Every structure is written in C-alpha cells, then in structure tokens.
Amino acid sequence: MNTGWDVEVHQNRYLGEGDTEMQAVVTVSARDDGQAESRAPGAEVLLVDCSTSMRYPPTKIAAARRAAAAAIGALPDGTGFAVVRGTERGDLAYPAEFGLAIASDETRAAAVAAVERFVAVGGTAMGAWLKCARKLFAAVPDTVRHAILLTDGNNQSQSAEALRRELDACEGQFVCDARGIGDGWERSELVEIGRVLRGSVDSVVRDEDLVADFRELMAATLAKVIPAARLRIGVTEQTTLRFVKQVWPNEYDLTSRCVPDGDGRVVLSLGSWSAGETREFQLAVQASADPPEYGSDRMLAWVEVDGAADSAVPVLAHWTRDPVAPTLVDPKVRRYTMHAELSEALVSADEAYAAGDHARAAREWGQAVEIASRTGNKEVLRRLSRVVDTDGENVQLRPEVTRSELLNLLVSTVSNVGDEPRDARPAPPPDAKPVHCSDCQEPNPPDAQFCEGCGTRLGGGPA
C-alpha cells in the first residue's frame, strides 16, 4: 500500500549562551488516502499463558479462554492465525500442523474448541512463546503481523538473557501487545516486550474485563494497513543524538533500539500502522560546545520516514545572548516532560509502598494526582482513585488496596491510557484573537507570552 506521510517538529529553537541541548517533539502521521479497503489479510497469533499459576483462582484461566475465543471470533475471513499454549514451551494449540490457519467459520470454530480445552499446568517462558510466533510469522513477511501475549506470572522458566535475545530476534518482525492478569506478573518484563516489539502494555483488575480488552485490541489491529515503517534520524557533524523516545500513544525510551545507518544517521523500526494514525516522538540532541553563531538558525538534526523523501523536517537551533525564559518551552515538549514526571511519581510510589513506607507512597501518589489533573489525564486519575482518596491537599491510602490495582495503575502511563497528543496549556476562549508581535508582526496564539517567530516577549521586553 502506497501511503503518504506527514512529519512535524514542535520545538522552541532558541538557546541561551552556554546552552547546548535541544529537545523537540516529532509528530508522525500516516495519511488516510482512502486505501484502507484494499487492506490485505493480516496474520494474528495469540500467546496464552497456561502455566500452573493460571489455575489460582480458576477465574483466570476461564477468562483467558473466553478472551482468546472472542479474539478468534473477531478474525475476518482470510486472516492467517494461530494459537500458542504458553508454558515452559511454546506449543501450537491450533492448527494441528505447524503454520497459520486461514480464518473461516470452520477454522474459527475449531480454534475455539482447542482453546476451551486449555488447562493450567507448567512453567513460564515467554521467550519460547515469542519464538514460536516469530517462526509462524516468517511465512507471511509482507503483511500486518500482530500478536497478543497474556500472562499472570514472571519469566521463571527462562533466563532474562534468553528472553532478551529472543526479543532482539523478534524486533521488526511483528508487533506484540502484552497484557497482565492477576497480581503476580512483572511490570518490567511486559514493558520490555512492549518496548522492543512496539506494542501496548496494560492489565485488567477484574478477570471478567479481559474479553472486552481483547476485543479492543483486535479492533485496533484490524485497522492496520501498513505492515511496517521506519523512522530515520540524522545529526550534523557537531551534534550527537542523546535520546529518542516514543511518547504517544506508548511511552518507551527507544534510544538503544536505534540502528546505525552511516554518516550520523540511525533508523528505528516503528511496526505496523493504521491509515490516519499519528504517533509522537521526543528527541534530544547535544550540540558541540564551540562558540555558536548568534542571530541565525543552525540545523542540528533532521527526521524523516524512511522511504518518504518528502517527509524530512529539520531540528533547528538559534542562539541568543538574551536569557531564554522557561515559558518559551514548546507546549508539547512541556507536556511530555510532565508525563515523564508522572511516570516517575507512580514508580516511586509503588517502590515506597512495597517497602512499607506508606507515608512517602502517599506523597508520591499525591504528586501523580497533581500532574494527572494538570494534564487532564482522566483515566490515570480514575485508576489513582482506586488507590488513594484525595481531600484538598491531603492524600490518603484507601484500605485494602490489591496488588492487581497497583499494577494496573503502574502501567497506565506506559501506554498513555486515556491521554491524547495535545498541548498541555488550556485552550483559549473560542472568540479569542491572535496576538501579533510588535517586532516581526508574526501572529501568535492568544495565550502566548513570547513570539513563536522571533522570541520577543509579547507585551514588552526581549525574550
């Protein structure tokens, strides 16, 4: 499918004397050219934890059976699919012969029957499940390939190094959404699976909610029409790339996943895309400490979608001898900086709670409530309400908080649940008029304090 791409850079390019780091948010959008109807049948593999721990309570394995059956039932005719029974091995539960079945009334019914026979006996080796999926997907290299991995425990039957090696082998081969159920799974393991395989990470607090979650995952997968895309980032000779993160819809530091491509360039696998889909990335570049040229723009880096030559956009810097006000930080950069602070607060609170320091946990969760309120993240606030009560400035732990609720809160920022890629500042009134700069006459948003064109303070005084 031939798809056009739109790439935008959001940044304040002004740096003061001595400043050498530039941060920017890059918005990447796949144009909806009305070709979604021509989508080729994709491929789906369900990786269902059937370890012994799924037996307790029995609602877990029952929920896994129902959710897998719901996902199978949503597969359109012609889709390649398979179901893997995950224990200390990755065993193909359906079809009987190794390979992908083709979805039809007959094969969907047979797959559901196989799932209904699942019993919970064995260990947990998620790398083995992913390896099975990788081999299955090898038969359909030019289509949208997606997996759902469900687990209730940690990777106890396999070394961490073995899981990392398998994730490296799977990267770029398929996208995997990871889901936790119960209260015994490890956040770090699921986050690493989502990070390397560019999928979402979440959990359910109530086992009965798993069916709806799987249906939503399938609906999102069936909207994918672009099998794979890559982001290319280049820097100049006097600039280094400090980090690159995907910040929306999933928040992952992808710096270590960048592959060198010569002459200061790196490429980054982005996985499959829907027509009209938008993602946002935050990057930071470090310029040399050599005396800069004042009064003119300097290109530090550029970003494009690999293979779409018309998508390249620059990341610029403009040094000024005047101090750069903190309010000049680009709204999108500020928003995602705040989101990172929200993630840190939630992790710190969880660590304090696990250590028995409930007073510090309450303070950290209070910080999370404040940030989520400022950024309008209603879903994170909803999950926080299961853990804490807020009364003005007082934050108190709710009684009888379950580990499942804590885990569900802890992963809420990884996939930006309930969040949107919008400016952190509130929208001005609908009748507000733009403010024109007295120096360069550039029109600016009604609530802007500094000119976006030249950096002059609106209302008097240099930036």
Protein backbone atom coordinates (compact mmCIF):
# COMPACT_ATOMS: atom_id res chain seq x y z
CA MET A 1 0.00 0.00 0.00
CA ASN A 2 1.45 3.37 -1.02
CA THR A 3 0.99 5.81 1.83
CA GLY A 4 1.97 9.43 2.22
CA TRP A 5 3.45 10.67 5.48
CA ASP A 6 3.30 13.98 7.34
CA VAL A 7 6.08 14.86 9.78
CA GLU A 8 6.09 17.94 12.01
CA VAL A 9 8.64 19.20 14.52
CA HIS A 10 7.50 21.02 17.65
CA GLN A 11 10.27 22.92 19.41
CA ASN A 12 11.43 26.26 20.69
CA ARG A 13 14.63 26.72 18.72
CA TYR A 14 16.06 29.48 20.93
CA LEU A 15 19.06 28.64 23.13
CA GLY A 16 20.84 30.97 25.53
CA GLU A 17 24.57 31.41 26.00
CA GLY A 18 26.14 28.17 27.18
CA ASP A 19 23.11 26.04 26.27
CA THR A 20 23.91 23.04 24.07
CA GLU A 21 20.91 20.69 24.36
CA MET A 22 17.85 20.95 22.14
CA GLN A 23 14.68 18.92 22.71
CA ALA A 24 11.86 18.53 20.21
CA VAL A 25 8.68 16.52 19.75
CA VAL A 26 8.20 14.99 16.30
CA THR A 27 4.67 14.18 15.18
CA VAL A 28 4.44 11.45 12.52
CA SER A 29 1.14 10.79 10.74
CA ALA A 30 0.23 8.29 8.04
CA ARG A 31 -2.16 9.92 5.61
CA ASP A 32 -5.55 8.33 5.15
CA ASP A 33 -5.70 8.11 1.35
CA GLY A 34 -8.87 6.03 1.37
CA GLN A 35 -6.98 2.81 0.65
CA ALA A 36 -7.96 1.00 3.85
CA GLU A 37 -10.50 -1.04 1.91
CA SER A 38 -7.65 -2.61 -0.06
CA ARG A 39 -6.00 -3.96 3.09
CA ALA A 40 -4.52 -7.42 2.54
CA PRO A 41 -5.43 -10.09 5.11
CA GLY A 42 -3.10 -9.87 8.10
CA ALA A 43 -1.78 -12.50 10.49
CA GLU A 44 -2.56 -12.92 14.19
CA VAL A 45 -1.00 -15.16 16.85
CA LEU A 46 -2.44 -15.48 20.35
CA LEU A 47 0.08 -16.36 23.08
CA VAL A 48 -1.89 -17.54 26.11
CA ASP A 49 -0.26 -18.30 29.46
CA CYS A 50 -1.29 -21.79 30.60
CA SER A 51 1.19 -22.12 33.48
CA THR A 52 0.16 -23.65 36.77
CA SER A 53 -0.34 -20.23 38.40
CA MET A 54 -3.22 -19.54 35.97
CA ARG A 55 -5.17 -22.16 37.93
CA TYR A 56 -5.47 -19.97 41.03
CA PRO A 57 -8.06 -18.53 41.18
CA PRO A 58 -9.78 -20.55 38.44
CA THR A 59 -11.37 -17.38 37.06
CA LYS A 60 -8.01 -16.53 35.42
CA ILE A 61 -7.78 -19.48 33.05
CA ALA A 62 -11.52 -19.24 32.40
CA ALA A 63 -11.15 -15.55 31.48
CA ALA A 64 -8.18 -16.41 29.23
CA ARG A 65 -10.27 -19.00 27.38
CA ARG A 66 -13.15 -16.56 26.88
CA ALA A 67 -10.88 -13.72 25.76
CA ALA A 68 -8.99 -15.90 23.28
CA ALA A 69 -12.31 -17.16 21.89
CA ALA A 70 -13.53 -13.57 21.50
CA ALA A 71 -10.35 -12.59 19.62
CA ILE A 72 -10.66 -15.60 17.33
CA GLY A 73 -14.29 -14.77 16.64
CA ALA A 74 -13.29 -11.26 15.52
CA LEU A 75 -10.89 -12.50 12.83
CA PRO A 76 -12.11 -11.70 9.29
CA ASP A 77 -12.21 -14.47 6.71
CA GLY A 78 -8.83 -14.94 5.04
CA THR A 79 -6.73 -13.86 8.05
CA GLY A 80 -3.84 -16.13 8.92
CA PHE A 81 -3.88 -17.08 12.59
CA ALA A 82 -2.63 -19.47 15.25
CA VAL A 83 -3.00 -20.04 18.98
CA VAL A 84 0.01 -20.88 21.16
CA ARG A 85 -0.31 -22.55 24.55
CA GLY A 86 2.35 -20.93 26.70
CA THR A 87 4.16 -22.83 29.44
CA GLU A 88 7.88 -23.55 29.74
CA ARG A 89 7.50 -24.18 25.99
CA GLY A 90 5.54 -22.55 23.23
CA ASP A 91 3.23 -25.30 21.97
CA LEU A 92 0.97 -24.79 18.99
CA ALA A 93 -2.60 -25.41 20.20
CA TYR A 94 -4.16 -24.62 16.82
CA PRO A 95 -3.79 -25.52 13.99
CA ALA A 96 -2.61 -29.12 14.42
CA GLU A 97 0.17 -28.78 11.82
CA PHE A 98 2.80 -26.05 12.25
CA GLY A 99 1.77 -22.96 10.31
CA LEU A 100 -1.02 -20.43 10.14
CA ALA A 101 -4.64 -21.45 9.65
CA ILE A 102 -6.83 -19.33 7.38
CA ALA A 103 -9.82 -17.85 9.17
CA SER A 104 -13.22 -19.21 8.16
CA ASP A 105 -16.32 -20.37 10.03
CA GLU A 106 -14.84 -23.85 10.22
CA THR A 107 -11.32 -22.90 11.40
CA ARG A 108 -12.57 -20.32 13.90
CA ALA A 109 -14.87 -22.92 15.49
CA ALA A 110 -12.04 -25.48 15.62
CA ALA A 111 -9.68 -22.96 17.21
CA VAL A 112 -12.24 -22.00 19.86
CA ALA A 113 -12.73 -25.70 20.64
CA ALA A 114 -8.96 -26.06 21.12
CA VAL A 115 -8.89 -23.05 23.45
CA GLU A 116 -11.73 -24.45 25.55
CA ARG A 117 -9.53 -27.46 26.31
CA PHE A 118 -6.76 -25.32 27.85
CA VAL A 119 -5.62 -26.48 31.29
CA ALA A 120 -3.17 -24.66 33.55
CA VAL A 121 -0.12 -26.89 34.06
CA GLY A 122 3.53 -25.91 33.54
CA GLY A 123 6.05 -23.10 33.86
CA THR A 124 6.51 -19.70 32.19
CA ALA A 125 9.00 -18.98 29.39
CA MET A 126 7.72 -16.03 27.37
CA GLY A 127 10.74 -16.08 25.08
CA ALA A 128 9.72 -19.56 23.91
CA TRP A 129 6.20 -18.30 23.13
CA LEU A 130 7.60 -15.36 21.15
CA LYS A 131 9.97 -17.66 19.27
CA CYS A 132 7.04 -19.78 18.16
CA ALA A 133 5.22 -16.64 16.96
CA ARG A 134 8.32 -15.45 15.08
CA LYS A 135 8.59 -18.73 13.21
CA LEU A 136 4.89 -18.70 12.36
CA PHE A 137 5.06 -15.12 11.04
CA ALA A 138 8.08 -15.95 8.85
CA ALA A 139 5.68 -17.44 6.29
CA VAL A 140 3.91 -14.08 5.72
CA PRO A 141 6.66 -11.42 5.61
CA ASP A 142 4.74 -8.75 3.68
CA THR A 143 1.61 -8.42 5.75
CA VAL A 144 0.48 -6.86 9.02
CA ARG A 145 1.68 -9.27 11.73
CA HIS A 146 0.38 -8.94 15.28
CA ALA A 147 0.46 -10.96 18.48
CA ILE A 148 -1.26 -10.69 21.84
CA LEU A 149 0.65 -12.08 24.83
CA LEU A 150 -1.25 -12.75 28.05
CA THR A 151 0.48 -13.78 31.28
CA ASP A 152 -0.14 -13.84 35.02
CA GLY A 153 3.42 -14.50 36.16
CA ASN A 154 7.10 -13.81 35.63
CA ASN A 155 9.52 -15.46 33.24
CA GLN A 156 10.68 -18.00 35.81
CA SER A 157 11.38 -20.89 33.40
CA GLN A 158 13.83 -18.92 31.26
CA SER A 159 16.78 -16.64 31.90
CA ALA A 160 16.45 -12.89 31.40
CA GLU A 161 19.25 -13.07 28.81
CA ALA A 162 17.38 -15.71 26.79
CA LEU A 163 14.28 -13.53 26.73
CA ARG A 164 16.34 -10.52 25.63
CA ARG A 165 17.94 -12.50 22.80
CA GLU A 166 14.56 -13.63 21.55
CA LEU A 167 13.14 -10.12 21.73
CA ASP A 168 16.09 -8.89 19.63
CA ALA A 169 15.30 -11.59 17.07
CA CYS A 170 11.61 -10.64 17.00
CA GLU A 171 12.11 -6.87 16.71
CA GLY A 172 10.73 -5.60 13.42
CA GLN A 173 9.15 -8.98 12.62
CA PHE A 174 5.81 -8.36 14.34
CA VAL A 175 4.07 -6.10 16.86
CA CYS A 176 3.08 -7.58 20.22
CA ASP A 177 0.61 -6.17 22.74
CA ALA A 178 1.32 -7.52 26.24
CA ARG A 179 -1.34 -7.98 28.91
CA GLY A 180 -1.12 -8.91 32.57
CA ILE A 181 -3.82 -10.65 34.59
CA GLY A 182 -3.85 -11.25 38.34
CA ASP A 183 -1.20 -9.87 40.68
CA GLY A 184 1.91 -11.96 40.04
CA TRP A 185 3.26 -10.59 36.75
CA GLU A 186 6.35 -8.40 36.42
CA ARG A 187 5.91 -4.89 35.07
CA SER A 188 9.49 -4.72 33.80
CA GLU A 189 9.11 -7.85 31.67
CA LEU A 190 5.89 -6.76 29.99
CA VAL A 191 7.22 -3.23 29.43
CA GLU A 192 10.33 -4.65 27.75
CA ILE A 193 8.18 -6.81 25.46
CA GLY A 194 6.06 -3.80 24.53
CA ARG A 195 9.13 -1.57 24.06
CA VAL A 196 11.07 -3.89 21.77
CA LEU A 197 8.04 -5.11 19.81
CA ARG A 198 6.38 -1.65 19.69
CA GLY A 199 3.13 -2.77 21.30
CA SER A 200 0.96 -1.56 24.16
CA VAL A 201 1.12 -2.79 27.76
CA ASP A 202 -1.78 -2.93 30.17
CA SER A 203 -3.59 -5.17 32.63
CA VAL A 204 -7.05 -5.95 33.93
CA VAL A 205 -8.08 -5.64 37.55
CA ARG A 206 -11.13 -7.86 37.14
CA ASP A 207 -10.70 -11.09 35.22
CA GLU A 208 -14.08 -10.61 33.53
CA ASP A 209 -12.79 -7.43 31.83
CA LEU A 210 -10.29 -9.38 29.72
CA VAL A 211 -12.79 -10.23 26.96
CA ALA A 212 -13.56 -6.55 26.26
CA ASP A 213 -9.84 -5.74 26.31
CA PHE A 214 -9.03 -8.46 23.74
CA ARG A 215 -11.87 -7.25 21.51
CA GLU A 216 -10.48 -3.70 21.60
CA LEU A 217 -7.01 -4.98 20.73
CA MET A 218 -8.39 -6.91 17.77
CA ALA A 219 -10.35 -3.90 16.52
CA ALA A 220 -7.19 -1.78 16.61
CA THR A 221 -5.19 -4.48 14.86
CA LEU A 222 -7.74 -4.91 12.09
CA ALA A 223 -7.40 -1.20 11.30
CA LYS A 224 -3.69 -1.61 10.47
CA VAL A 225 -2.96 -1.30 6.76
CA ILE A 226 0.78 -0.54 6.66
CA PRO A 227 2.86 -3.66 7.50
CA ALA A 228 5.96 -1.77 8.63
CA ALA A 229 7.51 1.68 8.76
CA ARG A 230 10.85 3.10 9.92
CA LEU A 231 11.93 6.48 11.24
CA ARG A 232 15.28 7.88 10.09
CA ILE A 233 17.12 10.43 12.21
CA GLY A 234 20.25 12.25 11.12
CA VAL A 235 22.56 14.60 13.00
CA THR A 236 25.24 17.00 11.80
CA GLU A 237 28.96 16.56 12.43
CA GLN A 238 28.85 18.80 15.52
CA THR A 239 25.76 17.19 17.04
CA THR A 240 25.05 13.92 18.85
CA LEU A 241 21.72 12.21 19.48
CA ARG A 242 21.20 11.98 23.26
CA PHE A 243 17.93 10.08 23.26
CA VAL A 244 14.81 9.30 21.27
CA LYS A 245 11.57 8.20 22.90
CA GLN A 246 8.16 7.31 21.62
CA VAL A 247 5.90 9.38 23.88
CA TRP A 248 2.47 8.75 22.37
CA PRO A 249 0.48 6.50 22.23
CA ASN A 250 3.06 4.32 24.03
CA GLU A 251 5.88 5.74 26.13
CA TYR A 252 9.18 3.93 25.56
CA ASP A 253 12.80 5.01 25.52
CA LEU A 254 13.94 3.69 22.12
CA THR A 255 17.48 5.06 22.14
CA SER A 256 19.03 1.60 22.43
CA ARG A 257 16.82 0.28 19.61
CA CYS A 258 18.25 2.71 17.02
CA VAL A 259 20.30 1.00 14.30
CA PRO A 260 23.29 2.98 12.89
CA ASP A 261 22.92 3.72 9.20
CA GLY A 262 26.14 5.63 8.44
CA ASP A 263 27.05 9.33 8.30
CA GLY A 264 25.41 10.20 11.60
CA ARG A 265 22.10 8.54 10.73
CA VAL A 266 20.09 5.93 12.60
CA VAL A 267 16.90 4.09 11.71
CA LEU A 268 14.19 2.95 14.08
CA SER A 269 11.55 0.30 13.40
CA LEU A 270 8.02 1.59 14.08
CA GLY A 271 5.94 -1.52 13.42
CA SER A 272 2.59 -1.56 11.61
CA TRP A 273 0.33 1.49 11.17
CA SER A 274 -3.29 2.39 10.50
CA ALA A 275 -4.26 4.88 7.81
CA GLY A 276 -4.62 8.25 9.52
CA GLU A 277 -2.68 7.11 12.61
CA THR A 278 -0.47 9.59 14.49
CA ARG A 279 2.42 8.92 16.85
CA GLU A 280 4.73 11.32 18.64
CA PHE A 281 8.42 11.02 19.47
CA GLN A 282 10.62 13.14 21.73
CA LEU A 283 14.28 13.51 20.92
CA ALA A 284 17.19 15.40 22.42
CA VAL A 285 20.35 16.38 20.58
CA GLN A 286 23.57 17.78 22.02
CA ALA A 287 25.45 20.43 20.07
CA SER A 288 29.18 20.98 20.39
CA ALA A 289 30.36 23.49 22.98
CA ASP A 290 32.16 25.57 20.31
CA PRO A 291 31.13 29.24 20.28
CA PRO A 292 27.85 29.36 18.33
CA GLU A 293 26.84 31.82 15.67
CA TYR A 294 24.35 34.25 17.14
CA GLY A 295 21.35 35.59 15.28
CA SER A 296 20.83 32.81 12.74
CA ASP A 297 19.30 29.32 12.61
CA ARG A 298 21.54 26.27 12.64
CA MET A 299 20.36 22.78 11.74
CA LEU A 300 21.22 20.23 14.42
CA ALA A 301 19.33 17.20 13.12
CA TRP A 302 16.66 16.06 10.70
CA VAL A 303 13.92 13.44 10.82
CA GLU A 304 12.02 11.60 8.10
CA VAL A 305 10.01 8.47 7.48
CA ASP A 306 12.33 6.03 5.71
CA GLY A 307 11.49 5.84 2.02
CA ALA A 308 9.35 9.01 2.05
CA ALA A 309 11.80 11.63 0.81
CA ASP A 310 9.28 14.48 1.02
CA SER A 311 8.79 13.91 4.75
CA ALA A 312 12.15 15.24 6.01
CA VAL A 313 11.99 18.06 8.57
CA PRO A 314 14.84 19.85 10.39
CA VAL A 315 15.52 20.34 14.09
CA LEU A 316 16.97 23.84 14.43
CA ALA A 317 18.79 25.94 17.00
CA HIS A 318 19.01 29.73 17.23
CA TRP A 319 21.43 31.06 19.83
CA THR A 320 20.71 34.37 21.53
CA ARG A 321 22.69 36.35 24.10
CA ASP A 322 19.44 37.17 25.89
CA PRO A 323 18.21 34.73 28.56
CA VAL A 324 15.57 32.31 27.28
CA ALA A 325 12.51 32.32 29.56
CA PRO A 326 11.25 28.95 30.85
CA THR A 327 7.79 29.79 29.49
CA LEU A 328 9.24 29.56 25.99
CA VAL A 329 9.40 25.75 26.26
CA ASP A 330 7.27 24.27 23.50
CA PRO A 331 3.88 23.07 24.88
CA LYS A 332 4.33 19.55 23.53
CA VAL A 333 7.83 19.23 24.97
CA ARG A 334 6.48 20.53 28.29
CA ARG A 335 3.56 18.10 28.19
CA TYR A 336 5.71 15.02 27.69
CA THR A 337 8.22 16.21 30.27
CA MET A 338 5.30 16.35 32.70
CA HIS A 339 4.18 12.89 31.61
CA ALA A 340 7.66 11.52 32.37
CA GLU A 341 7.39 13.10 35.82
CA LEU A 342 4.01 11.36 36.26
CA SER A 343 5.60 8.00 35.42
CA GLU A 344 8.45 8.61 37.86
CA ALA A 345 5.99 9.52 40.64
CA LEU A 346 4.00 6.32 40.10
CA VAL A 347 7.12 4.13 40.11
CA SER A 348 8.47 5.85 43.24
CA ALA A 349 5.12 5.45 44.99
CA ASP A 350 4.98 1.75 44.17
CA GLU A 351 8.53 1.20 45.43
CA ALA A 352 7.77 3.06 48.67
CA TYR A 353 4.55 1.12 49.19
CA ALA A 354 6.33 -2.20 48.64
CA ALA A 355 8.98 -1.15 51.19
CA GLY A 356 6.29 -0.35 53.76
CA ASP A 357 6.85 3.43 53.63
CA HIS A 358 3.20 4.33 53.15
CA ALA A 359 3.74 7.99 54.05
CA ARG A 360 6.18 8.50 51.15
CA ALA A 361 3.94 6.45 48.87
CA ALA A 362 1.04 8.78 49.66
CA ARG A 363 3.19 11.84 48.90
CA GLU A 364 4.30 10.38 45.55
CA TRP A 365 0.74 9.43 44.60
CA GLY A 366 -0.32 12.93 45.58
CA GLN A 367 2.26 14.27 43.12
CA ALA A 368 0.82 11.93 40.48
CA VAL A 369 -2.70 13.22 41.18
CA GLU A 370 -1.49 16.80 40.71
CA ILE A 371 0.27 16.10 37.40
CA ALA A 372 -2.57 13.96 36.00
CA SER A 373 -5.01 16.74 36.91
CA ARG A 374 -2.88 19.40 35.21
CA THR A 375 -2.58 17.35 32.02
CA GLY A 376 -6.24 16.28 32.01
CA ASN A 377 -5.50 12.55 32.13
CA LYS A 378 -8.87 11.30 33.36
CA GLU A 379 -8.08 7.59 33.03
CA VAL A 380 -4.96 7.78 35.19
CA LEU A 381 -6.98 9.78 37.73
CA ARG A 382 -9.62 7.05 37.68
CA ARG A 383 -7.02 4.38 38.37
CA LEU A 384 -5.49 6.53 41.10
CA SER A 385 -8.91 6.81 42.75
CA ARG A 386 -8.81 3.05 43.39
CA VAL A 387 -5.61 3.52 45.41
CA VAL A 388 -5.92 6.90 47.16
CA ASP A 389 -8.57 9.28 48.47
CA THR A 390 -7.93 12.98 47.92
CA ASP A 391 -9.35 15.75 50.09
CA GLY A 392 -7.92 19.05 49.01
CA GLU A 393 -4.17 18.78 49.59
CA ASN A 394 -4.47 15.61 51.67
CA VAL A 395 -3.87 12.24 50.02
CA GLN A 396 -4.68 9.10 51.97
CA LEU A 397 -4.28 5.47 51.01
CA ARG A 398 -7.51 3.58 50.54
CA PRO A 399 -7.93 0.49 52.71
CA GLU A 400 -7.47 -2.98 51.23
CA VAL A 401 -5.72 -1.93 48.01
CA THR A 402 -4.95 -5.01 45.92
CA ARG A 403 -1.68 -5.69 44.12
CA SER A 404 -3.67 -6.07 40.90
CA GLU A 405 -4.95 -2.48 41.29
CA LEU A 406 -1.41 -1.23 41.97
CA LEU A 407 -0.03 -2.96 38.88
CA ASN A 408 -2.90 -1.63 36.77
CA LEU A 409 -2.02 1.90 37.91
CA LEU A 410 1.70 1.37 37.44
CA VAL A 411 1.41 0.52 33.73
CA SER A 412 -1.17 3.22 32.95
CA THR A 413 1.46 5.74 31.78
CA VAL A 414 3.42 3.25 29.65
CA SER A 415 0.67 3.22 27.04
CA ASN A 416 -0.67 6.70 27.93
CA VAL A 417 -4.06 5.27 28.82
CA GLY A 418 -6.73 7.93 28.43
CA ASP A 419 -4.25 10.54 27.21
CA GLU A 420 -4.20 12.48 23.95
CA PRO A 421 -1.37 14.13 21.96
CA ARG A 422 -2.45 17.69 22.67
CA ASP A 423 -0.90 20.83 24.13
CA ALA A 424 -0.58 20.98 27.90
CA ARG A 425 -1.87 24.53 28.08
CA PRO A 426 -5.66 25.05 28.21
CA ALA A 427 -7.38 26.11 25.02
CA PRO A 428 -8.12 29.84 24.74
CA PRO A 429 -11.74 31.02 24.50
CA PRO A 430 -13.26 30.42 21.06
CA ASP A 431 -13.61 34.17 20.43
CA ALA A 432 -10.00 34.99 21.42
CA LYS A 433 -7.95 36.72 18.73
CA PRO A 434 -4.29 36.05 17.83
CA VAL A 435 -1.61 38.34 19.26
CA HIS A 436 0.70 39.97 16.72
CA CYS A 437 4.34 40.55 17.61
CA SER A 438 5.38 44.21 17.58
CA ASP A 439 8.82 43.29 16.20
CA CYS A 440 8.19 40.77 13.42
CA GLN A 441 4.37 41.03 13.10
CA GLU A 442 4.09 37.24 13.44
CA PRO A 443 0.59 36.14 14.62
CA ASN A 444 0.71 34.11 17.86
CA PRO A 445 -1.84 32.13 19.90
CA PRO A 446 -3.97 34.35 22.17
CA ASP A 447 -2.38 32.93 25.34
CA ALA A 448 1.24 33.09 24.09
CA GLN A 449 3.70 35.01 26.29
CA PHE A 450 6.53 35.02 23.74
CA CYS A 451 6.55 35.32 19.97
CA GLU A 452 6.88 31.94 18.26
CA GLY A 453 8.63 33.63 15.34
CA CYS A 454 11.34 35.75 16.95
CA GLY A 455 11.11 35.03 20.68
CA THR A 456 10.23 38.60 21.70
CA ARG A 457 8.19 38.89 24.89
CA LEU A 458 4.63 39.78 23.90
CA GLY A 459 3.68 42.89 25.83
CA GLY A 460 7.20 44.24 26.15
CA GLY A 461 10.73 43.12 26.91
CA PRO A 462 13.09 40.80 24.98
CA ALA A 463 12.88 37.03 25.39
